[in-house]
Structure formats: structure tokens, C-alpha cells
């Protein structure tokens, strides 16, 4: 996954080193799976991407990371 739409939110995958930076952004919500926060993944509520420059920020960090991200084991087996 690179970036996706989940209901009204963006679902983003970005470099985990950016976690502190993105956590400060408006609309940020951490992705929680089985009670644990997934570093490098988040949801962004509409207020966080309504402005073109905010939307471009999320697209850019996701596309930048997509170039170097590893495919998950479950995706390789499909």
C-alpha cells in the first residue's frame, strides 16, 4: 500500500522516520492494529488534506517512501 482512501479519510504509508513530523499534522490519526500503533501508517481526516498544499504533502511523502518500501510477505504470496 502507498496511499488509499478509507471512507472519508486518507490512509497513508510513509517512512517511519517521519512519525514525529506527521503526528503534528492536522487530521493525523495513528493506525492501530491489534492494539499496537503501526509506525509509518496513519489515517488523515479531511481537515488535514482539504488545502491543496496539505494534500500534496501527504501524496509526496507516500510516493517518496513507496520507491524504497519493501513488499509485505503476505503480498508476495498472492
N, C-alpha and C. Protein backbone atom coordinates (compact mmCIF):
# COMPACT_ATOMS: atom_id res chain seq x y z
N UNK A 1 0.84 -1.18 0.00
CA UNK A 1 0.00 0.00 0.00
C UNK A 1 0.88 1.24 0.00
N UNK A 2 0.46 2.21 -0.75
CA UNK A 2 1.14 3.50 -0.81
C UNK A 2 0.26 4.56 -0.14
N UNK A 3 -0.89 4.78 -0.74
CA UNK A 3 -1.89 5.71 -0.20
C UNK A 3 -3.25 5.22 -0.67
N UNK A 4 -4.25 5.42 0.15
CA UNK A 4 -5.55 4.85 -0.14
C UNK A 4 -6.62 5.76 0.45
N UNK A 5 -7.86 5.55 0.05
CA UNK A 5 -8.99 6.25 0.64
C UNK A 5 -9.76 5.25 1.47
N UNK A 6 -10.02 5.60 2.71
CA UNK A 6 -10.77 4.76 3.63
C UNK A 6 -11.92 5.59 4.18
N UNK A 7 -13.10 5.35 3.68
CA UNK A 7 -14.27 6.18 3.99
C UNK A 7 -13.95 7.61 3.56
N UNK A 8 -13.95 8.56 4.47
CA UNK A 8 -13.64 9.95 4.13
C UNK A 8 -12.18 10.31 4.37
N UNK A 9 -11.40 9.37 4.86
CA UNK A 9 -10.02 9.63 5.26
C UNK A 9 -9.02 9.11 4.23
N UNK A 10 -7.82 9.67 4.28
CA UNK A 10 -6.71 9.08 3.57
C UNK A 10 -6.07 8.05 4.48
N UNK A 11 -5.59 6.99 3.91
CA UNK A 11 -4.81 6.01 4.64
C UNK A 11 -3.43 6.06 4.00
N UNK A 12 -2.42 6.41 4.78
CA UNK A 12 -1.10 6.71 4.24
C UNK A 12 -0.03 5.78 4.79
N UNK A 13 0.94 5.47 3.92
CA UNK A 13 2.15 4.75 4.32
C UNK A 13 3.32 5.65 3.98
N UNK A 14 4.16 5.92 4.96
CA UNK A 14 5.27 6.86 4.81
C UNK A 14 6.47 6.31 5.57
N UNK A 15 7.61 6.94 5.40
CA UNK A 15 8.82 6.48 6.08
C UNK A 15 8.63 6.61 7.59
N UNK A 16 8.86 5.53 8.35
CA UNK A 16 8.67 5.59 9.80
C UNK A 16 9.51 6.67 10.49
N UNK A 17 10.60 7.09 9.89
CA UNK A 17 11.41 8.18 10.47
C UNK A 17 10.64 9.50 10.53
N UNK A 18 9.57 9.63 9.77
CA UNK A 18 8.77 10.85 9.75
C UNK A 18 7.65 10.86 10.79
N UNK A 19 7.60 9.83 11.62
CA UNK A 19 6.49 9.67 12.56
C UNK A 19 6.23 10.92 13.40
N UNK A 20 7.24 11.49 13.98
CA UNK A 20 7.05 12.69 14.83
C UNK A 20 6.53 13.87 14.01
N UNK A 21 7.05 14.03 12.80
CA UNK A 21 6.62 15.13 11.93
C UNK A 21 5.15 14.99 11.55
N UNK A 22 4.75 13.82 11.08
CA UNK A 22 3.37 13.65 10.62
C UNK A 22 2.38 13.67 11.77
N UNK A 23 2.81 13.24 12.95
CA UNK A 23 1.92 13.25 14.11
C UNK A 23 1.49 14.65 14.50
N UNK A 24 2.26 15.66 14.07
CA UNK A 24 1.93 17.06 14.35
C UNK A 24 0.95 17.66 13.34
N UNK A 25 0.72 16.96 12.25
CA UNK A 25 -0.13 17.49 11.18
C UNK A 25 -1.61 17.43 11.57
N UNK A 26 -2.34 18.43 11.09
CA UNK A 26 -3.78 18.47 11.32
C UNK A 26 -4.43 17.26 10.65
N UNK A 27 -5.35 16.63 11.36
CA UNK A 27 -6.09 15.50 10.80
C UNK A 27 -5.43 14.15 11.01
N UNK A 28 -4.20 14.14 11.52
CA UNK A 28 -3.46 12.88 11.73
C UNK A 28 -4.14 12.01 12.78
N UNK A 29 -4.20 10.73 12.48
CA UNK A 29 -4.67 9.74 13.43
C UNK A 29 -3.82 8.48 13.23
N UNK A 30 -3.20 7.98 14.29
CA UNK A 30 -2.34 6.81 14.12
C UNK A 30 -3.15 5.58 13.70
N UNK A 31 -2.52 4.69 12.97
CA UNK A 31 -3.16 3.44 12.60
C UNK A 31 -2.86 2.42 13.71
N UNK A 32 -3.92 1.88 14.28
CA UNK A 32 -3.80 0.92 15.37
C UNK A 32 -4.32 -0.43 14.87
N UNK A 33 -3.50 -1.46 15.01
CA UNK A 33 -3.89 -2.82 14.63
C UNK A 33 -3.57 -3.74 15.81
N UNK A 34 -4.56 -4.51 16.23
CA UNK A 34 -4.39 -5.44 17.35
C UNK A 34 -3.81 -4.74 18.58
N UNK A 35 -4.25 -3.50 18.80
CA UNK A 35 -3.84 -2.76 19.97
C UNK A 35 -2.48 -2.09 19.89
N UNK A 36 -1.81 -2.20 18.75
CA UNK A 36 -0.48 -1.59 18.60
C UNK A 36 -0.49 -0.57 17.47
N UNK A 37 0.23 0.53 17.70
CA UNK A 37 0.36 1.55 16.66
C UNK A 37 1.34 1.06 15.60
N UNK A 38 0.93 1.17 14.35
CA UNK A 38 1.80 0.80 13.23
C UNK A 38 2.60 2.03 12.80
N UNK A 39 3.89 2.02 13.08
CA UNK A 39 4.75 3.13 12.66
C UNK A 39 4.81 3.17 11.14
N UNK A 40 4.71 4.37 10.60
CA UNK A 40 4.77 4.53 9.15
C UNK A 40 3.42 4.43 8.46
N UNK A 41 2.36 4.28 9.23
CA UNK A 41 1.00 4.22 8.68
C UNK A 41 0.11 5.16 9.49
N UNK A 42 -0.82 5.81 8.81
CA UNK A 42 -1.77 6.65 9.54
C UNK A 42 -3.01 6.88 8.71
N UNK A 43 -4.00 7.42 9.36
CA UNK A 43 -5.19 7.95 8.71
C UNK A 43 -5.10 9.46 8.78
N UNK A 44 -5.64 10.11 7.78
CA UNK A 44 -5.70 11.58 7.79
C UNK A 44 -7.15 11.97 7.53
N UNK A 45 -7.73 12.66 8.50
CA UNK A 45 -9.10 13.11 8.36
C UNK A 45 -9.16 14.27 7.37
N UNK A 46 -10.32 14.50 6.74
CA UNK A 46 -10.44 15.52 5.70
C UNK A 46 -9.86 16.89 6.04
N UNK A 47 -9.98 17.31 7.29
CA UNK A 47 -9.43 18.63 7.66
C UNK A 47 -7.93 18.71 7.42
N UNK A 48 -7.27 17.56 7.34
CA UNK A 48 -5.83 17.53 7.15
C UNK A 48 -5.38 17.51 5.71
N UNK A 49 -6.33 17.42 4.77
CA UNK A 49 -5.92 17.42 3.36
C UNK A 49 -6.83 18.25 2.46
N UNK A 50 -7.64 19.12 3.04
CA UNK A 50 -8.54 19.96 2.26
C UNK A 50 -7.80 21.00 1.42
N UNK A 51 -6.74 21.56 1.98
CA UNK A 51 -5.96 22.55 1.23
C UNK A 51 -5.05 21.81 0.26
N UNK A 52 -4.90 22.33 -0.96
CA UNK A 52 -4.05 21.66 -1.95
C UNK A 52 -2.63 21.38 -1.46
N UNK A 53 -2.04 22.31 -0.71
CA UNK A 53 -0.67 22.09 -0.24
C UNK A 53 -0.60 20.98 0.81
N UNK A 54 -1.66 20.82 1.59
CA UNK A 54 -1.70 19.72 2.57
C UNK A 54 -1.87 18.38 1.85
N UNK A 55 -2.77 18.35 0.88
CA UNK A 55 -2.98 17.13 0.09
C UNK A 55 -1.68 16.72 -0.60
N UNK A 56 -1.00 17.68 -1.19
CA UNK A 56 0.27 17.41 -1.87
C UNK A 56 1.33 16.88 -0.90
N UNK A 57 1.35 17.38 0.33
CA UNK A 57 2.29 16.90 1.34
C UNK A 57 2.11 15.39 1.54
N UNK A 58 0.87 14.96 1.78
CA UNK A 58 0.62 13.54 2.03
C UNK A 58 0.95 12.69 0.81
N UNK A 59 0.56 13.13 -0.35
CA UNK A 59 0.88 12.39 -1.58
C UNK A 59 2.39 12.26 -1.73
N UNK A 60 3.11 13.34 -1.50
CA UNK A 60 4.56 13.32 -1.69
C UNK A 60 5.25 12.36 -0.72
N UNK A 61 4.92 12.43 0.57
CA UNK A 61 5.63 11.55 1.50
C UNK A 61 5.31 10.08 1.24
N UNK A 62 4.09 9.80 0.79
CA UNK A 62 3.73 8.42 0.48
C UNK A 62 4.45 7.93 -0.78
N UNK A 63 4.46 8.74 -1.82
CA UNK A 63 5.15 8.34 -3.05
C UNK A 63 6.65 8.24 -2.85
N UNK A 64 7.23 9.14 -2.06
CA UNK A 64 8.67 9.08 -1.78
C UNK A 64 9.03 7.76 -1.08
N UNK A 65 8.22 7.38 -0.11
CA UNK A 65 8.51 6.14 0.61
C UNK A 65 8.23 4.91 -0.25
N UNK A 66 7.24 5.01 -1.12
CA UNK A 66 6.88 3.87 -1.97
C UNK A 66 8.06 3.41 -2.83
N UNK A 67 8.94 4.33 -3.18
CA UNK A 67 10.10 3.98 -4.01
C UNK A 67 11.05 3.03 -3.29
N UNK A 68 11.09 3.09 -1.95
CA UNK A 68 12.05 2.27 -1.20
C UNK A 68 11.39 1.24 -0.28
N UNK A 69 10.07 1.29 -0.16
CA UNK A 69 9.36 0.38 0.75
C UNK A 69 9.45 -1.05 0.26
N UNK A 70 9.51 -1.95 1.21
CA UNK A 70 9.54 -3.37 0.89
C UNK A 70 8.12 -3.90 0.81
N UNK A 71 7.92 -4.86 -0.07
CA UNK A 71 6.62 -5.51 -0.21
C UNK A 71 6.41 -6.42 1.00
N UNK A 72 5.21 -6.38 1.54
CA UNK A 72 4.93 -7.25 2.69
C UNK A 72 4.93 -8.72 2.27
N UNK A 73 5.25 -9.59 3.21
CA UNK A 73 5.30 -11.03 2.92
C UNK A 73 3.98 -11.54 2.39
N UNK A 74 2.87 -11.06 2.96
CA UNK A 74 1.56 -11.54 2.52
C UNK A 74 1.27 -11.12 1.08
N UNK A 75 1.76 -9.97 0.64
CA UNK A 75 1.55 -9.51 -0.73
C UNK A 75 2.36 -10.33 -1.73
N UNK A 76 3.54 -10.78 -1.33
CA UNK A 76 4.38 -11.58 -2.21
C UNK A 76 3.76 -12.92 -2.53
N UNK A 77 3.00 -13.45 -1.59
CA UNK A 77 2.43 -14.78 -1.75
C UNK A 77 1.16 -14.81 -2.57
N UNK A 78 0.65 -13.68 -2.94
CA UNK A 78 -0.63 -13.63 -3.71
C UNK A 78 -0.39 -13.75 -5.18
